[in-house]
Amino acid sequence: MKGTPDYYFSKAAAHYEAHAVVQKHTLATLLTLLEEAVSVEPQNGLDIGCGPGMSTLALSNVFPNTEFVGLDLSYKMIEMAN
C-alpha cells in the first residue's frame, strides 16, 4: 500500500545495497565486536530488518555453522535476500 514503510522499502530494494554506506560501516563494526565477544558459535541466529540479505550473508560467513533466519518488513527485500 502506497505510503507505508513496506511500499517505500520494496520500491528501493533493487538499489538498497548501493546506497547503504552507513549500514555497511555499522555492519563491519558489529561483525568485529561479535567475533571478539562470542566464544561459542550459536546454533541459530535471527536477523531482524535483514533488508536484501547483506547482513545475513556477512553473519553466516563469520558463523558458518549457524542457521540464520532473516526477517524484513518489505517483501521485495526478502525476495532479494533469498
C-alpha atoms as a PDB file:
ATOM      1  CA  MET A   1       0.000   0.000   0.000  1.00  0.00           C
ATOM      2  CA  LYS A   2       1.400   3.390  -1.001  1.00  0.00           C
ATOM      3  CA  GLY A   3       2.598   5.454   1.917  1.00  0.00           C
ATOM      4  CA  THR A   4       3.601   2.504   4.105  1.00  0.00           C
ATOM      5  CA  PRO A   5       7.207   1.635   5.004  1.00  0.00           C
ATOM      6  CA  ASP A   6       6.835  -1.647   3.095  1.00  0.00           C
ATOM      7  CA  TYR A   7       5.923   0.275  -0.049  1.00  0.00           C
ATOM      8  CA  TYR A   8       8.972   2.531   0.106  1.00  0.00           C
ATOM      9  CA  PHE A   9      11.469  -0.171   1.102  1.00  0.00           C
ATOM     10  CA  SER A  10      10.118  -2.504  -1.579  1.00  0.00           C
ATOM     11  CA  LYS A  11      10.427   0.267  -4.140  1.00  0.00           C
ATOM     12  CA  ALA A  12      14.063   0.885  -3.112  1.00  0.00           C
ATOM     13  CA  ALA A  13      15.048  -2.779  -2.775  1.00  0.00           C
ATOM     14  CA  ALA A  14      16.852  -3.070  -6.110  1.00  0.00           C
ATOM     15  CA  HIS A  15      19.209  -0.195  -5.265  1.00  0.00           C
ATOM     16  CA  TYR A  16      19.381  -0.506  -1.487  1.00  0.00           C
ATOM     17  CA  GLU A  17      22.870  -2.027  -1.166  1.00  0.00           C
ATOM     18  CA  ALA A  18      24.453   0.529  -3.490  1.00  0.00           C
ATOM     19  CA  HIS A  19      23.366   3.324  -1.144  1.00  0.00           C
ATOM     20  CA  ALA A  20      23.735   1.544   2.205  1.00  0.00           C
ATOM     21  CA  VAL A  21      27.007   3.235   3.199  1.00  0.00           C
ATOM     22  CA  VAL A  22      26.114   3.739   6.862  1.00  0.00           C
ATOM     23  CA  GLN A  23      24.660   0.234   7.113  1.00  0.00           C
ATOM     24  CA  LYS A  24      27.844  -1.322   5.686  1.00  0.00           C
ATOM     25  CA  HIS A  25      30.044   0.599   8.130  1.00  0.00           C
ATOM     26  CA  THR A  26      27.813  -0.359  11.063  1.00  0.00           C
ATOM     27  CA  LEU A  27      27.795  -3.987   9.941  1.00  0.00           C
ATOM     28  CA  ALA A  28      31.607  -4.101   9.762  1.00  0.00           C
ATOM     29  CA  THR A  29      31.821  -2.716  13.307  1.00  0.00           C
ATOM     30  CA  LEU A  30      29.202  -5.168  14.570  1.00  0.00           C
ATOM     31  CA  LEU A  31      30.966  -8.152  12.991  1.00  0.00           C
ATOM     32  CA  THR A  32      34.267  -7.170  14.618  1.00  0.00           C
ATOM     33  CA  LEU A  33      32.591  -6.874  18.015  1.00  0.00           C
ATOM     34  CA  LEU A  34      30.795 -10.192  17.597  1.00  0.00           C
ATOM     35  CA  GLU A  35      33.964 -12.031  16.611  1.00  0.00           C
ATOM     36  CA  GLU A  36      35.652 -10.719  19.764  1.00  0.00           C
ATOM     37  CA  ALA A  37      32.707 -11.316  22.113  1.00  0.00           C
ATOM     38  CA  VAL A  38      31.270 -14.668  21.006  1.00  0.00           C
ATOM     39  CA  SER A  39      33.331 -17.645  22.133  1.00  0.00           C
ATOM     40  CA  VAL A  40      30.861 -20.380  21.154  1.00  0.00           C
ATOM     41  CA  GLU A  41      29.206 -20.355  17.745  1.00  0.00           C
ATOM     42  CA  PRO A  42      25.416 -20.123  18.139  1.00  0.00           C
ATOM     43  CA  GLN A  43      23.136 -22.778  16.643  1.00  0.00           C
ATOM     44  CA  ASN A  44      20.579 -20.252  15.416  1.00  0.00           C
ATOM     45  CA  GLY A  45      20.511 -16.571  14.579  1.00  0.00           C
ATOM     46  CA  LEU A  46      17.774 -14.072  13.775  1.00  0.00           C
ATOM     47  CA  ASP A  47      18.484 -11.047  11.577  1.00  0.00           C
ATOM     48  CA  ILE A  48      15.620  -8.629  12.160  1.00  0.00           C
ATOM     49  CA  GLY A  49      15.435  -5.994   9.426  1.00  0.00           C
ATOM     50  CA  CYS A  50      17.699  -8.032   7.151  1.00  0.00           C
ATOM     51  CA  GLY A  51      16.994  -5.966   4.050  1.00  0.00           C
ATOM     52  CA  PRO A  52      18.357  -7.625   0.907  1.00  0.00           C
ATOM     53  CA  GLY A  53      20.403 -10.077   2.999  1.00  0.00           C
ATOM     54  CA  MET A  54      23.715  -8.228   3.180  1.00  0.00           C
ATOM     55  CA  SER A  55      23.960  -8.599   6.970  1.00  0.00           C
ATOM     56  CA  THR A  56      22.619 -12.159   6.993  1.00  0.00           C
ATOM     57  CA  LEU A  57      25.256 -13.237   4.483  1.00  0.00           C
ATOM     58  CA  ALA A  58      28.028 -11.500   6.408  1.00  0.00           C
ATOM     59  CA  LEU A  59      26.914 -13.122   9.663  1.00  0.00           C
ATOM     60  CA  SER A  60      26.816 -16.548   8.018  1.00  0.00           C
ATOM     61  CA  ASN A  61      30.400 -16.016   6.823  1.00  0.00           C
ATOM     62  CA  VAL A  62      31.535 -15.290  10.393  1.00  0.00           C
ATOM     63  CA  PHE A  63      29.443 -18.126  11.859  1.00  0.00           C
ATOM     64  CA  PRO A  64      29.282 -20.743   9.073  1.00  0.00           C
ATOM     65  CA  ASN A  65      27.619 -23.438  11.212  1.00  0.00           C
ATOM     66  CA  THR A  66      24.830 -21.171  12.446  1.00  0.00           C
ATOM     67  CA  GLU A  67      21.410 -21.356  10.812  1.00  0.00           C
ATOM     68  CA  PHE A  68      20.191 -17.793  10.205  1.00  0.00           C
ATOM     69  CA  VAL A  69      16.684 -16.541   9.514  1.00  0.00           C
ATOM     70  CA  GLY A  70      16.199 -13.079   8.082  1.00  0.00           C
ATOM     71  CA  LEU A  71      13.059 -11.013   8.666  1.00  0.00           C
ATOM     72  CA  ASP A  72      12.148  -7.774   6.963  1.00  0.00           C
ATOM     73  CA  LEU A  73       9.107  -5.552   6.629  1.00  0.00           C
ATOM     74  CA  SER A  74       9.491  -5.463   2.834  1.00  0.00           C
ATOM     75  CA  TYR A  75       8.602  -8.499   0.750  1.00  0.00           C
ATOM     76  CA  LYS A  76      10.904  -7.240  -2.049  1.00  0.00           C
ATOM     77  CA  MET A  77      13.845  -7.127   0.347  1.00  0.00           C
ATOM     78  CA  ILE A  78      13.119 -10.721   1.386  1.00  0.00           C
ATOM     79  CA  GLU A  79      12.911 -11.751  -2.285  1.00  0.00           C
ATOM     80  CA  MET A  80      16.355 -10.248  -2.870  1.00  0.00           C
ATOM     81  CA  ALA A  81      17.761 -11.884   0.245  1.00  0.00           C
ATOM     82  CA  ASN A  82      16.632 -15.289  -0.923  1.00  0.00           C
END
